[in-house]
C-alpha cells in the first residue's frame, strides 16, 4: 500500500507595507526545505507542531510558544520535528527594518526572548490579512521591530527630547489633515521628526487610543453621516478612506453591532 502524501497548504502575498517583502502562511506534513539563504530576515511563529532546522551547522528548533528569527545570508534548512508536520506564519523583513549588524546575535540565538512578543506577531499577521488595516499593521510592525532589535542587543534609540503631549498633538493634527487619505506612520514620523514608535507611544499615552484606532473611529463617524444622508455605500467607503464597501461594512458591524443597511433602516 502506497502512503498518501498530504498536499501543502500555502498562502503568500505582498502586503504593501514598507519593510515587509512577503507574508507566508503554510502547513506542511512531508516537506523539508533544502539548504538555502535569504537576503531578508525570516521572522516566524509556529501554530501547530514543531520545526527542526540547522542554522550555520547549529541545530535549532521552533515550537508553538516561540518567536524565531533567521538572519539574512546565513545557510539554513527546515523540516517537521515529527510525522504531524507543522503550520507556521512567516514575515520576510527587509534589512531596513532590522540592521544586518545584528546577524551574529541572531545566529547565536534565533529564539527571541521578549515577553508578549508572540501575541504581538500573531496580531500583526491578523492585521496584514486585510489591506484596509495597513496603518494598524505598519504601527504594529514598528513596535515589533523595536522589540526584536532590543532582544538582539541593539542600543535603545532613546526619545526625541520633546514632550509626549506635544508629539501627540502634532500627530493628531497630521492625522486630521489627511483623515480620508492613505496614511502611513512612517510618513508621519518623517514629517514630525520622530520615530514611528515614539509617535504611537506618545499618542496612546496622551489620548488613550492607538493612532490607527483613532483614524478608524473618525472615518466611521464620517461614514455614518453620509449613510444617513442616503449616499450609496460604495461611494461612502471611497470618500472616507476605506478600502472598499466590504471593509467599511466589516468595521461598521464591529463598532456599531449592525450593518450599514440595517443602520439606515433603523433610522
Protein backbone atom coordinates (compact mmCIF):
# COMPACT_ATOMS: atom_id res chain seq x y z
CA UNK A 1 0.00 0.00 0.00
CA UNK A 2 1.40 3.40 -1.03
CA UNK A 3 1.38 6.05 1.67
CA UNK A 4 -0.50 9.18 0.75
CA UNK A 5 1.37 12.46 0.85
CA UNK A 6 -0.62 15.40 2.17
CA UNK A 7 -0.61 18.40 -0.13
CA UNK A 8 0.84 21.53 1.47
CA UNK A 9 -1.48 24.43 2.24
CA UNK A 10 0.18 27.69 1.26
CA UNK A 11 -0.83 31.33 1.14
CA UNK A 12 1.64 34.10 0.27
CA UNK A 13 1.27 37.78 -0.58
CA UNK A 14 2.97 41.16 -0.63
CA UNK A 15 1.05 43.27 1.90
CA UNK A 16 2.22 46.62 0.57
CA UNK A 17 3.74 47.55 3.95
CA UNK A 18 7.20 49.12 3.84
CA UNK A 19 9.74 46.72 5.30
CA UNK A 20 7.74 43.53 4.72
CA UNK A 21 8.71 41.80 1.49
CA UNK A 22 6.34 38.87 1.88
CA UNK A 23 3.80 37.26 4.20
CA UNK A 24 3.83 33.46 4.06
CA UNK A 25 1.39 31.09 5.77
CA UNK A 26 1.83 27.35 5.29
CA UNK A 27 1.02 23.92 6.66
CA UNK A 28 3.45 21.14 5.71
CA UNK A 29 3.44 17.46 6.56
CA UNK A 30 6.15 15.90 4.44
CA UNK A 31 8.03 18.86 3.02
CA UNK A 32 11.62 19.52 4.06
CA UNK A 33 13.44 22.66 2.97
CA UNK A 34 16.87 22.08 1.41
CA UNK A 35 19.77 24.27 2.49
CA UNK A 36 19.29 27.84 1.30
CA UNK A 37 19.70 31.50 2.24
CA UNK A 38 17.64 34.70 2.01
CA UNK A 39 18.70 38.32 1.68
CA UNK A 40 16.00 39.28 4.21
CA UNK A 41 15.20 38.36 7.82
CA UNK A 42 12.83 35.41 8.38
CA UNK A 43 10.55 36.08 11.36
CA UNK A 44 8.20 33.19 12.11
CA UNK A 45 5.85 31.63 14.62
CA UNK A 46 4.63 28.02 14.70
CA UNK A 47 0.89 27.49 15.12
CA UNK A 48 0.89 23.70 15.19
CA UNK A 49 3.52 21.00 15.52
CA UNK A 50 7.22 21.83 15.72
CA UNK A 51 10.10 22.60 13.35
CA UNK A 52 13.71 21.48 13.37
CA UNK A 53 16.42 23.25 11.39
CA UNK A 54 20.16 23.72 11.10
CA UNK A 55 21.41 27.31 11.06
CA UNK A 56 25.06 27.63 10.05
CA UNK A 57 25.56 23.98 11.10
CA UNK A 58 23.96 24.61 14.51
CA UNK A 59 20.89 22.54 15.38
CA UNK A 60 17.82 24.58 16.23
CA UNK A 61 14.10 24.19 16.72
CA UNK A 62 10.88 26.13 16.99
CA UNK A 63 7.66 25.30 18.82
CA UNK A 64 4.32 26.99 19.30
CA UNK A 65 5.42 29.07 22.30
CA UNK A 66 8.34 30.68 20.47
CA UNK A 67 9.13 33.55 18.14
CA UNK A 68 12.09 32.75 15.91
CA UNK A 69 14.18 34.84 13.57
CA UNK A 70 16.63 33.54 10.98
CA UNK A 71 19.11 36.13 9.73
CA UNK A 72 19.86 37.01 6.10
CA UNK A 73 22.77 35.43 4.21
CA UNK A 74 23.10 32.51 6.66
CA UNK A 75 22.58 28.97 5.33
CA UNK A 76 19.72 27.04 6.92
CA UNK A 77 17.21 24.29 6.19
CA UNK A 78 13.93 23.22 7.79
CA UNK A 79 11.75 20.18 8.44
CA UNK A 80 8.96 18.88 10.66
CA UNK A 81 10.01 17.62 14.06
CA UNK A 82 7.72 14.58 13.70
CA UNK A 83 5.07 12.98 11.48
CA UNK A 84 2.41 15.52 12.46
CA UNK A 85 4.05 18.18 10.32
CA UNK A 86 3.72 21.85 11.20
CA UNK A 87 1.86 25.05 10.47
CA UNK A 88 3.71 28.36 10.50
CA UNK A 89 3.30 32.05 9.75
CA UNK A 90 6.29 33.91 8.36
CA UNK A 91 7.24 37.53 7.72
CA UNK A 92 10.18 38.24 5.46
CA UNK A 93 11.55 41.54 6.75
CA UNK A 94 13.88 43.85 4.86
CA UNK A 95 17.25 44.78 6.36
CA UNK A 96 15.98 48.36 6.56
CA UNK A 97 13.78 47.14 9.43
CA UNK A 98 16.44 45.12 11.28
CA UNK A 99 20.08 46.01 10.62
CA UNK A 100 22.49 43.39 9.30
CA UNK A 101 24.81 44.27 12.18
CA UNK A 102 22.57 42.07 14.33
CA UNK A 103 23.09 38.93 12.23
CA UNK A 104 25.67 37.49 14.61
CA UNK A 105 23.37 37.77 17.61
CA UNK A 106 20.57 36.01 15.71
CA UNK A 107 22.90 33.18 14.71
CA UNK A 108 23.91 32.73 18.35
CA UNK A 109 20.28 32.61 19.49
CA UNK A 110 17.47 32.73 16.89
CA UNK A 111 14.79 32.45 19.59
CA UNK A 112 13.57 35.92 20.58
CA UNK A 113 13.17 36.17 24.34
CA UNK A 114 10.81 39.12 24.70
CA UNK A 115 7.69 38.93 26.86
CA UNK A 116 4.45 39.12 24.90
CA UNK A 117 6.18 39.15 21.53
CA UNK A 118 4.40 36.09 20.17
CA UNK A 119 0.94 37.59 20.66
CA UNK A 120 2.15 40.81 19.04
CA UNK A 121 3.44 38.95 15.98
CA UNK A 122 0.18 36.98 15.71
CA UNK A 123 -1.83 40.22 15.89
CA UNK A 124 0.32 41.71 13.13
CA UNK A 125 -0.45 38.73 10.90
CA UNK A 126 -4.17 39.25 11.56
CA UNK A 127 -3.89 42.91 10.55
CA UNK A 128 -1.94 42.04 7.39
CA UNK A 129 -4.77 39.86 6.11
CA UNK A 130 -6.88 42.96 5.43
CA UNK A 131 -5.50 45.72 3.21
CA UNK A 132 -7.79 48.17 5.00
CA UNK A 133 -5.79 47.68 8.20
CA UNK A 134 -2.49 48.91 6.74
CA UNK A 135 -1.99 51.72 9.27
CA UNK A 136 -2.54 49.28 12.14
CA UNK A 137 -0.17 46.73 10.57
CA UNK A 138 2.52 49.32 9.97
CA UNK A 139 2.32 50.56 13.56
CA UNK A 140 2.41 47.03 14.97
CA UNK A 141 5.45 46.27 12.79
CA UNK A 142 7.29 49.31 14.17
CA UNK A 143 6.81 48.14 17.77
CA UNK A 144 7.73 44.54 16.94
CA UNK A 145 10.89 45.60 15.11
CA UNK A 146 11.92 47.73 18.07
CA UNK A 147 11.50 44.78 20.45
CA UNK A 148 13.44 42.49 18.11
CA UNK A 149 16.33 44.93 17.86
CA UNK A 150 16.49 45.24 21.65
CA UNK A 151 16.26 41.45 22.08
CA UNK A 152 19.23 41.07 19.71
CA UNK A 153 21.28 43.53 21.72
CA UNK A 154 20.86 46.80 19.84
CA UNK A 155 21.03 50.01 21.85
CA UNK A 156 17.82 51.80 22.78
CA UNK A 157 17.29 54.67 20.34
CA UNK A 158 16.00 56.94 23.11
CA UNK A 159 13.46 59.71 22.75
CA UNK A 160 13.25 62.94 20.81
CA UNK A 161 13.59 65.20 23.84
CA UNK A 162 10.16 66.70 23.06
CA UNK A 163 7.23 66.43 25.50
CA UNK A 164 4.94 63.46 24.96
CA UNK A 165 1.79 65.57 24.70
CA UNK A 166 3.43 67.85 22.14
CA UNK A 167 4.23 64.90 19.87
CA UNK A 168 0.73 63.53 20.38
CA UNK A 169 -0.93 66.81 19.42
CA UNK A 170 1.26 67.09 16.33
CA UNK A 171 0.37 63.58 15.25
CA UNK A 172 -3.34 64.19 15.80
CA UNK A 173 -3.18 67.31 13.65
CA UNK A 174 -1.30 65.31 11.00
CA UNK A 175 -3.94 62.56 11.03
CA UNK A 176 -6.85 65.01 10.99
CA UNK A 177 -5.45 66.81 7.95
CA UNK A 178 -5.24 63.54 5.99
CA UNK A 179 -8.14 61.66 7.54
CA UNK A 180 -9.60 60.26 4.32
CA UNK A 181 -6.27 59.69 2.56
CA UNK A 182 -3.88 56.73 2.73
CA UNK A 183 -1.81 57.36 5.88
CA UNK A 184 1.44 55.77 6.93
CA UNK A 185 3.12 56.10 10.31
CA UNK A 186 6.47 56.24 8.50
CA UNK A 187 5.45 59.37 6.59
CA UNK A 188 4.14 60.95 9.78
CA UNK A 189 7.41 60.15 11.56
CA UNK A 190 9.45 61.70 8.77
CA UNK A 191 7.33 64.87 8.75
CA UNK A 192 7.33 65.26 12.54
CA UNK A 193 10.92 64.29 13.21
CA UNK A 194 10.27 61.30 15.47
CA UNK A 195 10.35 57.53 15.18
CA UNK A 196 7.12 55.62 14.45
CA UNK A 197 7.20 54.01 17.89
CA UNK A 198 7.76 57.36 19.64
CA UNK A 199 4.78 58.84 17.83
CA UNK A 200 2.48 55.90 18.52
CA UNK A 201 3.50 55.73 22.18
CA UNK A 202 3.00 59.45 22.76
CA UNK A 203 -0.41 59.37 21.03
CA UNK A 204 -1.64 56.38 23.06
CA UNK A 205 -0.32 57.81 26.32
CA UNK A 206 -1.93 61.22 25.75
CA UNK A 207 -5.26 60.26 24.21
CA UNK A 208 -5.74 56.70 25.44
CA UNK A 209 -6.18 55.28 21.93
CA UNK A 210 -3.82 53.99 19.25
CA UNK A 211 -3.39 56.16 16.12
CA UNK A 212 -4.98 53.57 13.81
CA UNK A 213 -7.99 53.18 16.13
CA UNK A 214 -8.42 56.96 16.22
CA UNK A 215 -8.40 57.20 12.43
CA UNK A 216 -10.82 54.29 12.11
CA UNK A 217 -13.25 55.85 14.55
CA UNK A 218 -13.17 59.22 12.77
CA UNK A 219 -13.75 57.55 9.41
CA UNK A 220 -16.71 55.60 10.75
CA UNK A 221 -18.16 58.80 12.20
CA UNK A 222 -17.97 60.41 8.78
CA UNK A 223 -19.41 57.32 7.14
CA UNK A 224 -22.45 57.32 9.45
CA UNK A 225 -23.36 60.87 8.48
CA UNK A 226 -23.10 60.09 4.78
CA UNK A 227 -25.04 56.83 5.09
CA UNK A 228 -27.90 58.59 6.88
CA UNK A 229 -27.91 61.18 4.08
CA UNK A 230 -28.66 58.35 1.65
CA UNK A 231 -25.33 58.10 -0.16
CA UNK A 232 -24.55 54.70 -1.76
CA UNK A 233 -22.31 52.56 0.44
CA UNK A 234 -19.64 52.06 -2.22
CA UNK A 235 -19.31 55.83 -2.62
CA UNK A 236 -19.22 56.35 1.13
CA UNK A 237 -16.43 53.79 1.54
CA UNK A 238 -14.32 55.51 -1.10
CA UNK A 239 -14.99 59.00 0.24
CA UNK A 240 -13.97 58.33 3.84
CA UNK A 241 -10.86 56.24 3.23
CA UNK A 242 -11.98 52.62 3.39
CA UNK A 243 -10.53 50.04 1.02
CA UNK A 244 -13.96 49.08 -0.32
CA UNK A 245 -17.57 48.62 0.75
CA UNK A 246 -16.88 45.23 2.34
CA UNK A 247 -14.22 46.68 4.60
CA UNK A 248 -16.48 49.56 5.60
CA UNK A 249 -19.25 47.09 6.45
CA UNK A 250 -16.92 44.86 8.47
CA UNK A 251 -15.67 47.70 10.67
CA UNK A 252 -19.15 49.24 10.90
CA UNK A 253 -20.58 45.97 12.23
CA UNK A 254 -17.70 45.59 14.68
CA UNK A 255 -18.12 49.09 16.13
CA UNK A 256 -21.90 49.60 15.97
CA UNK A 257 -23.12 45.96 16.16
CA UNK A 258 -25.14 46.21 12.97
CA UNK A 259 -24.65 46.51 9.22
CA UNK A 260 -24.85 49.84 7.39
CA UNK A 261 -28.06 48.69 5.70
CA UNK A 262 -29.81 47.91 8.99
CA UNK A 263 -28.45 51.15 10.45
CA UNK A 264 -30.25 53.09 7.71
CA UNK A 265 -33.44 51.04 8.08
CA UNK A 266 -33.49 51.65 11.83
CA UNK A 267 -33.19 55.37 11.19
